[in-house]
């Protein structure tokens, strides 16, 4: 992507700021967002998954309605969304 940037310099000629056309700026922002989305996707793909049976066993063992992300040793935070165990696997 070629940009037509104008630079603002200080008295010594060092670049201190840049002026971009609005459309060019918006393209850069979209490209950055796309890269962030790709990074987030790759991060999720590489996460270790937890089998459903293991989650089910943990919930039955502790018999609490808690966030599946909270560990059994620490209480659920108020911001957690409770995971209610159901018999279906939809």
C-alpha atoms as a PDB file:
ATOM      1  CA  UNK A   1       0.000   0.000   0.000  1.00  0.00           C
ATOM      2  CA  UNK A   2       1.599   3.220  -1.103  1.00  0.00           C
ATOM      3  CA  UNK A   3       0.805   6.303   0.934  1.00  0.00           C
ATOM      4  CA  UNK A   4       1.282   9.950   0.207  1.00  0.00           C
ATOM      5  CA  UNK A   5       2.348  11.170   3.610  1.00  0.00           C
ATOM      6  CA  UNK A   6       3.353  14.660   4.576  1.00  0.00           C
ATOM      7  CA  UNK A   7       5.670  15.025   7.533  1.00  0.00           C
ATOM      8  CA  UNK A   8       5.876  17.701  10.174  1.00  0.00           C
ATOM      9  CA  UNK A   9       9.441  18.258  11.317  1.00  0.00           C
ATOM     10  CA  UNK A  10      11.105  20.087  14.158  1.00  0.00           C
ATOM     11  CA  UNK A  11      13.788  22.770  13.816  1.00  0.00           C
ATOM     12  CA  UNK A  12      16.481  20.110  13.290  1.00  0.00           C
ATOM     13  CA  UNK A  13      14.507  18.448  10.492  1.00  0.00           C
ATOM     14  CA  UNK A  14      13.533  15.387  12.504  1.00  0.00           C
ATOM     15  CA  UNK A  15      10.106  13.969  11.668  1.00  0.00           C
ATOM     16  CA  UNK A  16       7.666  14.524  14.522  1.00  0.00           C
ATOM     17  CA  UNK A  17       4.229  13.891  12.987  1.00  0.00           C
ATOM     18  CA  UNK A  18       2.572  12.748   9.798  1.00  0.00           C
ATOM     19  CA  UNK A  19      -0.404  13.948   7.792  1.00  0.00           C
ATOM     20  CA  UNK A  20      -2.312  11.322   5.819  1.00  0.00           C
ATOM     21  CA  UNK A  21      -5.254  11.524   3.483  1.00  0.00           C
ATOM     22  CA  UNK A  22      -8.348  10.344   5.359  1.00  0.00           C
ATOM     23  CA  UNK A  23      -8.945   7.454   2.951  1.00  0.00           C
ATOM     24  CA  UNK A  24      -5.341   6.284   3.326  1.00  0.00           C
ATOM     25  CA  UNK A  25      -5.638   6.495   7.105  1.00  0.00           C
ATOM     26  CA  UNK A  26      -8.840   4.421   7.042  1.00  0.00           C
ATOM     27  CA  UNK A  27      -7.132   1.788   4.839  1.00  0.00           C
ATOM     28  CA  UNK A  28      -4.267   1.552   7.327  1.00  0.00           C
ATOM     29  CA  UNK A  29      -6.685   1.150  10.227  1.00  0.00           C
ATOM     30  CA  UNK A  30      -8.612  -1.605   8.390  1.00  0.00           C
ATOM     31  CA  UNK A  31      -5.359  -3.405   7.561  1.00  0.00           C
ATOM     32  CA  UNK A  32      -4.279  -3.217  11.214  1.00  0.00           C
ATOM     33  CA  UNK A  33      -7.664  -4.544  12.374  1.00  0.00           C
ATOM     34  CA  UNK A  34      -7.384  -7.415   9.882  1.00  0.00           C
ATOM     35  CA  UNK A  35      -3.950  -8.316  11.249  1.00  0.00           C
ATOM     36  CA  UNK A  36      -5.273  -8.208  14.816  1.00  0.00           C
ATOM     37  CA  UNK A  37      -8.187 -10.468  13.816  1.00  0.00           C
ATOM     38  CA  UNK A  38      -5.799 -12.953  12.216  1.00  0.00           C
ATOM     39  CA  UNK A  39      -3.599 -12.942  15.313  1.00  0.00           C
ATOM     40  CA  UNK A  40      -6.607 -13.540  17.582  1.00  0.00           C
ATOM     41  CA  UNK A  41      -7.844 -16.358  15.333  1.00  0.00           C
ATOM     42  CA  UNK A  42      -4.463 -18.088  15.354  1.00  0.00           C
ATOM     43  CA  UNK A  43      -4.300 -17.735  19.124  1.00  0.00           C
ATOM     44  CA  UNK A  44      -7.680 -19.438  19.545  1.00  0.00           C
ATOM     45  CA  UNK A  45      -6.851 -22.183  17.056  1.00  0.00           C
ATOM     46  CA  UNK A  46      -3.680 -23.020  18.982  1.00  0.00           C
ATOM     47  CA  UNK A  47      -5.412 -23.182  22.395  1.00  0.00           C
ATOM     48  CA  UNK A  48      -5.643 -26.539  24.076  1.00  0.00           C
ATOM     49  CA  UNK A  49      -9.258 -27.657  24.052  1.00  0.00           C
ATOM     50  CA  UNK A  50     -10.975 -29.300  26.991  1.00  0.00           C
ATOM     51  CA  UNK A  51     -13.140 -32.298  26.104  1.00  0.00           C
ATOM     52  CA  UNK A  52     -16.823 -32.004  26.966  1.00  0.00           C
ATOM     53  CA  UNK A  53     -16.654 -35.072  29.199  1.00  0.00           C
ATOM     54  CA  UNK A  54     -13.951 -33.456  31.322  1.00  0.00           C
ATOM     55  CA  UNK A  55     -15.981 -30.275  31.767  1.00  0.00           C
ATOM     56  CA  UNK A  56     -19.048 -32.346  32.635  1.00  0.00           C
ATOM     57  CA  UNK A  57     -17.065 -34.330  35.214  1.00  0.00           C
ATOM     58  CA  UNK A  58     -15.672 -31.186  36.828  1.00  0.00           C
ATOM     59  CA  UNK A  59     -19.122 -29.633  37.096  1.00  0.00           C
ATOM     60  CA  UNK A  60     -20.630 -32.768  38.614  1.00  0.00           C
ATOM     61  CA  UNK A  61     -17.738 -33.052  41.067  1.00  0.00           C
ATOM     62  CA  UNK A  62     -18.097 -29.513  42.394  1.00  0.00           C
ATOM     63  CA  UNK A  63     -21.902 -29.325  41.992  1.00  0.00           C
ATOM     64  CA  UNK A  64     -21.815 -25.570  41.719  1.00  0.00           C
ATOM     65  CA  UNK A  65     -23.038 -23.198  39.120  1.00  0.00           C
ATOM     66  CA  UNK A  66     -19.836 -21.445  38.276  1.00  0.00           C
ATOM     67  CA  UNK A  67     -18.024 -20.102  35.315  1.00  0.00           C
ATOM     68  CA  UNK A  68     -16.235 -22.959  33.538  1.00  0.00           C
ATOM     69  CA  UNK A  69     -13.160 -20.751  33.314  1.00  0.00           C
ATOM     70  CA  UNK A  70     -12.866 -20.287  37.084  1.00  0.00           C
ATOM     71  CA  UNK A  71     -10.759 -22.826  38.888  1.00  0.00           C
ATOM     72  CA  UNK A  72     -12.329 -24.858  41.691  1.00  0.00           C
ATOM     73  CA  UNK A  73      -9.922 -23.327  44.199  1.00  0.00           C
ATOM     74  CA  UNK A  74     -11.010 -19.754  43.712  1.00  0.00           C
ATOM     75  CA  UNK A  75     -14.534 -18.372  43.922  1.00  0.00           C
ATOM     76  CA  UNK A  76     -16.346 -17.232  40.814  1.00  0.00           C
ATOM     77  CA  UNK A  77     -16.123 -13.549  40.123  1.00  0.00           C
ATOM     78  CA  UNK A  78     -19.303 -11.531  39.794  1.00  0.00           C
ATOM     79  CA  UNK A  79     -18.442 -10.835  36.174  1.00  0.00           C
ATOM     80  CA  UNK A  80     -18.406 -14.541  35.244  1.00  0.00           C
ATOM     81  CA  UNK A  81     -21.337 -15.942  33.350  1.00  0.00           C
ATOM     82  CA  UNK A  82     -22.478 -19.167  35.017  1.00  0.00           C
ATOM     83  CA  UNK A  83     -22.348 -22.330  32.955  1.00  0.00           C
ATOM     84  CA  UNK A  84     -25.349 -24.522  33.693  1.00  0.00           C
ATOM     85  CA  UNK A  85     -24.776 -28.160  32.833  1.00  0.00           C
ATOM     86  CA  UNK A  86     -27.384 -29.565  30.502  1.00  0.00           C
ATOM     87  CA  UNK A  87     -27.855 -33.106  29.294  1.00  0.00           C
ATOM     88  CA  UNK A  88     -27.806 -32.159  25.617  1.00  0.00           C
ATOM     89  CA  UNK A  89     -24.637 -31.459  23.663  1.00  0.00           C
ATOM     90  CA  UNK A  90     -25.960 -28.891  21.207  1.00  0.00           C
END
